[in-house]
Amino acid sequence: MSTSDVSVSLVKCGMGLIKLRVRELAAEKGWTLKEVSDRSGLPYSTLRNYAQAPSLKTLDYKALQKLARVFDVMIEEVVEVLED
């Protein structure tokens, strides 16, 4: 299975609940969520959902890769572990 069609279940990976640091990383760059959407190619509605969700159990691995790339950070810096 390729990473392009993988939806990662972080619970199964032992990470528990997570939150994506989309708003924080965008603020550090001085970008709006719309600008992150334009730069990453991810739909604005997806980014808004990631930014507003108090926690996530699953997410699209490709989206995570795109966010790390656009913010120029490691994937681990995009994810905040809320519960082990």
N, C-alpha and C. Protein backbone atom coordinates (compact mmCIF):
# COMPACT_ATOMS: atom_id res chain seq x y z
N MET A 1 0.84 -1.17 0.00
CA MET A 1 0.00 0.00 0.00
C MET A 1 0.90 1.24 0.00
N SER A 2 0.62 2.21 -0.86
CA SER A 2 1.44 3.41 -0.93
C SER A 2 0.94 4.46 0.05
N THR A 3 1.83 5.40 0.40
CA THR A 3 1.43 6.44 1.34
C THR A 3 0.42 7.39 0.72
N SER A 4 0.29 7.41 -0.59
CA SER A 4 -0.65 8.33 -1.22
C SER A 4 -2.10 7.96 -0.95
N ASP A 5 -2.38 6.71 -0.62
CA ASP A 5 -3.76 6.34 -0.35
C ASP A 5 -3.93 5.78 1.06
N VAL A 6 -3.05 6.17 1.95
CA VAL A 6 -3.11 5.68 3.33
C VAL A 6 -3.80 6.72 4.20
N SER A 7 -4.76 6.27 4.97
CA SER A 7 -5.32 7.10 6.03
C SER A 7 -4.80 6.50 7.32
N VAL A 8 -3.98 7.24 8.02
CA VAL A 8 -3.28 6.72 9.19
C VAL A 8 -4.18 6.79 10.40
N SER A 9 -4.32 5.68 11.09
CA SER A 9 -5.01 5.68 12.36
C SER A 9 -3.96 5.81 13.44
N LEU A 10 -3.87 6.98 14.03
CA LEU A 10 -2.84 7.23 15.02
C LEU A 10 -3.12 6.49 16.31
N VAL A 11 -4.39 6.15 16.55
CA VAL A 11 -4.71 5.36 17.73
C VAL A 11 -4.07 3.99 17.61
N LYS A 12 -4.16 3.38 16.46
CA LYS A 12 -3.56 2.06 16.24
C LYS A 12 -2.05 2.11 16.29
N CYS A 13 -1.48 3.28 16.02
CA CYS A 13 -0.04 3.44 16.07
C CYS A 13 0.44 3.72 17.49
N GLY A 14 -0.48 3.76 18.44
CA GLY A 14 -0.11 3.98 19.82
C GLY A 14 0.02 5.43 20.21
N MET A 15 -0.47 6.35 19.39
CA MET A 15 -0.32 7.76 19.71
C MET A 15 -1.54 8.34 20.41
N GLY A 16 -2.63 7.63 20.50
CA GLY A 16 -3.81 8.17 21.16
C GLY A 16 -4.43 9.30 20.38
N LEU A 17 -4.99 10.27 21.10
CA LEU A 17 -5.60 11.41 20.46
C LEU A 17 -4.55 12.47 20.16
N ILE A 18 -4.72 13.11 19.00
CA ILE A 18 -3.77 14.13 18.59
C ILE A 18 -4.51 15.39 18.15
N LYS A 19 -3.77 16.45 18.01
CA LYS A 19 -4.27 17.70 17.47
C LYS A 19 -3.23 18.20 16.49
N LEU A 20 -3.69 18.75 15.37
CA LEU A 20 -2.75 19.33 14.42
C LEU A 20 -2.53 20.79 14.78
N ARG A 21 -1.30 21.22 14.72
CA ARG A 21 -0.91 22.58 15.10
C ARG A 21 -1.00 23.54 13.91
N VAL A 22 -2.08 23.43 13.14
CA VAL A 22 -2.23 24.22 11.91
C VAL A 22 -2.27 25.72 12.21
N ARG A 23 -3.11 26.12 13.14
CA ARG A 23 -3.23 27.55 13.46
C ARG A 23 -1.92 28.12 14.01
N GLU A 24 -1.29 27.39 14.91
CA GLU A 24 -0.06 27.87 15.52
C GLU A 24 1.05 28.05 14.47
N LEU A 25 1.20 27.06 13.61
CA LEU A 25 2.25 27.12 12.59
C LEU A 25 1.94 28.20 11.56
N ALA A 26 0.67 28.37 11.21
CA ALA A 26 0.28 29.43 10.28
C ALA A 26 0.58 30.80 10.90
N ALA A 27 0.26 30.96 12.17
CA ALA A 27 0.50 32.23 12.86
C ALA A 27 2.00 32.56 12.89
N GLU A 28 2.83 31.54 13.10
CA GLU A 28 4.28 31.76 13.12
C GLU A 28 4.78 32.29 11.78
N LYS A 29 4.13 31.88 10.70
CA LYS A 29 4.50 32.34 9.36
C LYS A 29 3.80 33.64 8.97
N GLY A 30 2.78 34.01 9.77
CA GLY A 30 1.99 35.19 9.42
C GLY A 30 0.97 34.91 8.33
N TRP A 31 0.56 33.64 8.21
CA TRP A 31 -0.38 33.22 7.18
C TRP A 31 -1.77 32.97 7.76
N THR A 32 -2.77 33.14 6.92
CA THR A 32 -4.13 32.74 7.25
C THR A 32 -4.31 31.28 6.83
N LEU A 33 -5.40 30.66 7.28
CA LEU A 33 -5.69 29.29 6.83
C LEU A 33 -5.90 29.25 5.32
N LYS A 34 -6.45 30.31 4.75
CA LYS A 34 -6.64 30.37 3.30
C LYS A 34 -5.29 30.35 2.59
N GLU A 35 -4.32 31.07 3.13
CA GLU A 35 -2.98 31.06 2.53
C GLU A 35 -2.34 29.68 2.66
N VAL A 36 -2.54 29.02 3.79
CA VAL A 36 -2.01 27.66 3.96
C VAL A 36 -2.67 26.74 2.93
N SER A 37 -3.95 26.91 2.72
CA SER A 37 -4.68 26.11 1.73
C SER A 37 -4.09 26.32 0.34
N ASP A 38 -3.89 27.58 -0.04
CA ASP A 38 -3.33 27.90 -1.35
C ASP A 38 -1.93 27.33 -1.52
N ARG A 39 -1.11 27.42 -0.48
CA ARG A 39 0.28 26.96 -0.56
C ARG A 39 0.40 25.44 -0.53
N SER A 40 -0.51 24.78 0.19
CA SER A 40 -0.41 23.33 0.37
C SER A 40 -1.21 22.53 -0.65
N GLY A 41 -2.23 23.18 -1.22
CA GLY A 41 -3.12 22.45 -2.13
C GLY A 41 -4.22 21.70 -1.40
N LEU A 42 -4.28 21.83 -0.08
CA LEU A 42 -5.33 21.18 0.70
C LEU A 42 -6.57 22.07 0.71
N PRO A 43 -7.74 21.48 0.66
CA PRO A 43 -8.96 22.29 0.70
C PRO A 43 -9.05 23.10 1.99
N TYR A 44 -9.52 24.34 1.85
CA TYR A 44 -9.68 25.21 3.02
C TYR A 44 -10.56 24.55 4.08
N SER A 45 -11.63 23.89 3.65
CA SER A 45 -12.54 23.27 4.61
C SER A 45 -11.84 22.18 5.42
N THR A 46 -10.93 21.46 4.82
CA THR A 46 -10.15 20.44 5.53
C THR A 46 -9.26 21.09 6.57
N LEU A 47 -8.56 22.14 6.18
CA LEU A 47 -7.68 22.85 7.11
C LEU A 47 -8.47 23.45 8.26
N ARG A 48 -9.63 24.01 7.96
CA ARG A 48 -10.47 24.59 9.01
C ARG A 48 -10.90 23.51 9.99
N ASN A 49 -11.27 22.33 9.47
CA ASN A 49 -11.65 21.22 10.34
C ASN A 49 -10.48 20.77 11.21
N TYR A 50 -9.29 20.66 10.62
CA TYR A 50 -8.11 20.28 11.40
C TYR A 50 -7.82 21.32 12.47
N ALA A 51 -7.95 22.60 12.12
CA ALA A 51 -7.63 23.67 13.06
C ALA A 51 -8.64 23.76 14.19
N GLN A 52 -9.90 23.44 13.91
CA GLN A 52 -10.96 23.59 14.92
C GLN A 52 -11.18 22.33 15.76
N ALA A 53 -10.74 21.20 15.27
CA ALA A 53 -10.98 19.95 15.98
C ALA A 53 -10.20 19.93 17.29
N PRO A 54 -10.88 19.69 18.42
CA PRO A 54 -10.17 19.61 19.69
C PRO A 54 -9.23 18.41 19.74
N SER A 55 -9.57 17.36 18.98
CA SER A 55 -8.70 16.19 18.89
C SER A 55 -9.12 15.36 17.68
N LEU A 56 -8.19 14.56 17.20
CA LEU A 56 -8.42 13.68 16.05
C LEU A 56 -7.94 12.29 16.40
N LYS A 57 -8.58 11.30 15.82
CA LYS A 57 -8.10 9.93 15.96
C LYS A 57 -7.44 9.46 14.68
N THR A 58 -7.89 9.99 13.55
CA THR A 58 -7.30 9.61 12.27
C THR A 58 -7.13 10.86 11.41
N LEU A 59 -6.21 10.77 10.45
CA LEU A 59 -6.04 11.82 9.47
C LEU A 59 -5.36 11.25 8.25
N ASP A 60 -5.44 11.99 7.20
CA ASP A 60 -4.85 11.59 5.93
C ASP A 60 -3.34 11.86 5.98
N TYR A 61 -2.55 10.82 5.77
CA TYR A 61 -1.09 10.94 5.86
C TYR A 61 -0.55 11.92 4.81
N LYS A 62 -1.13 11.92 3.62
CA LYS A 62 -0.68 12.84 2.57
C LYS A 62 -0.91 14.28 3.00
N ALA A 63 -2.03 14.55 3.67
CA ALA A 63 -2.30 15.90 4.16
C ALA A 63 -1.25 16.30 5.19
N LEU A 64 -0.90 15.38 6.05
CA LEU A 64 0.13 15.64 7.06
C LEU A 64 1.47 15.95 6.40
N GLN A 65 1.81 15.20 5.37
CA GLN A 65 3.05 15.45 4.63
C GLN A 65 3.04 16.83 3.98
N LYS A 66 1.91 17.18 3.37
CA LYS A 66 1.80 18.49 2.71
C LYS A 66 1.94 19.63 3.72
N LEU A 67 1.33 19.47 4.89
CA LEU A 67 1.43 20.51 5.91
C LEU A 67 2.87 20.66 6.39
N ALA A 68 3.54 19.55 6.64
CA ALA A 68 4.94 19.61 7.07
C ALA A 68 5.79 20.29 6.01
N ARG A 69 5.54 19.97 4.76
CA ARG A 69 6.32 20.55 3.67
C ARG A 69 6.07 22.06 3.56
N VAL A 70 4.82 22.48 3.62
CA VAL A 70 4.52 23.90 3.44
C VAL A 70 5.03 24.73 4.61
N PHE A 71 5.03 24.16 5.83
CA PHE A 71 5.55 24.88 6.99
C PHE A 71 7.05 24.69 7.16
N ASP A 72 7.64 23.81 6.34
CA ASP A 72 9.06 23.53 6.37
C ASP A 72 9.49 23.03 7.76
N VAL A 73 8.73 22.03 8.24
CA VAL A 73 9.01 21.41 9.54
C VAL A 73 8.91 19.90 9.39
N MET A 74 9.37 19.18 10.40
CA MET A 74 9.20 17.74 10.44
C MET A 74 7.73 17.42 10.74
N ILE A 75 7.27 16.27 10.29
CA ILE A 75 5.89 15.86 10.55
C ILE A 75 5.57 15.90 12.04
N GLU A 76 6.52 15.50 12.86
CA GLU A 76 6.31 15.47 14.31
C GLU A 76 5.98 16.84 14.88
N GLU A 77 6.42 17.90 14.20
CA GLU A 77 6.16 19.26 14.67
C GLU A 77 4.76 19.74 14.33
N VAL A 78 4.08 19.06 13.42
CA VAL A 78 2.72 19.42 13.03
C VAL A 78 1.71 18.79 13.99
N VAL A 79 2.10 17.70 14.62
CA VAL A 79 1.21 16.92 15.47
C VAL A 79 1.49 17.19 16.95
N GLU A 80 0.43 17.40 17.70
CA GLU A 80 0.53 17.53 19.16
C GLU A 80 -0.21 16.34 19.77
N VAL A 81 0.49 15.53 20.54
CA VAL A 81 -0.13 14.37 21.18
C VAL A 81 -0.88 14.85 22.42
N LEU A 82 -2.18 14.57 22.47
CA LEU A 82 -3.01 15.00 23.58
C LEU A 82 -3.17 13.92 24.64
N GLU A 83 -3.17 12.67 24.19
CA GLU A 83 -3.44 11.55 25.09
C GLU A 83 -2.73 10.32 24.58
N ASP A 84 -1.93 9.70 25.41
CA ASP A 84 -1.23 8.47 25.02
C ASP A 84 -2.11 7.26 25.20
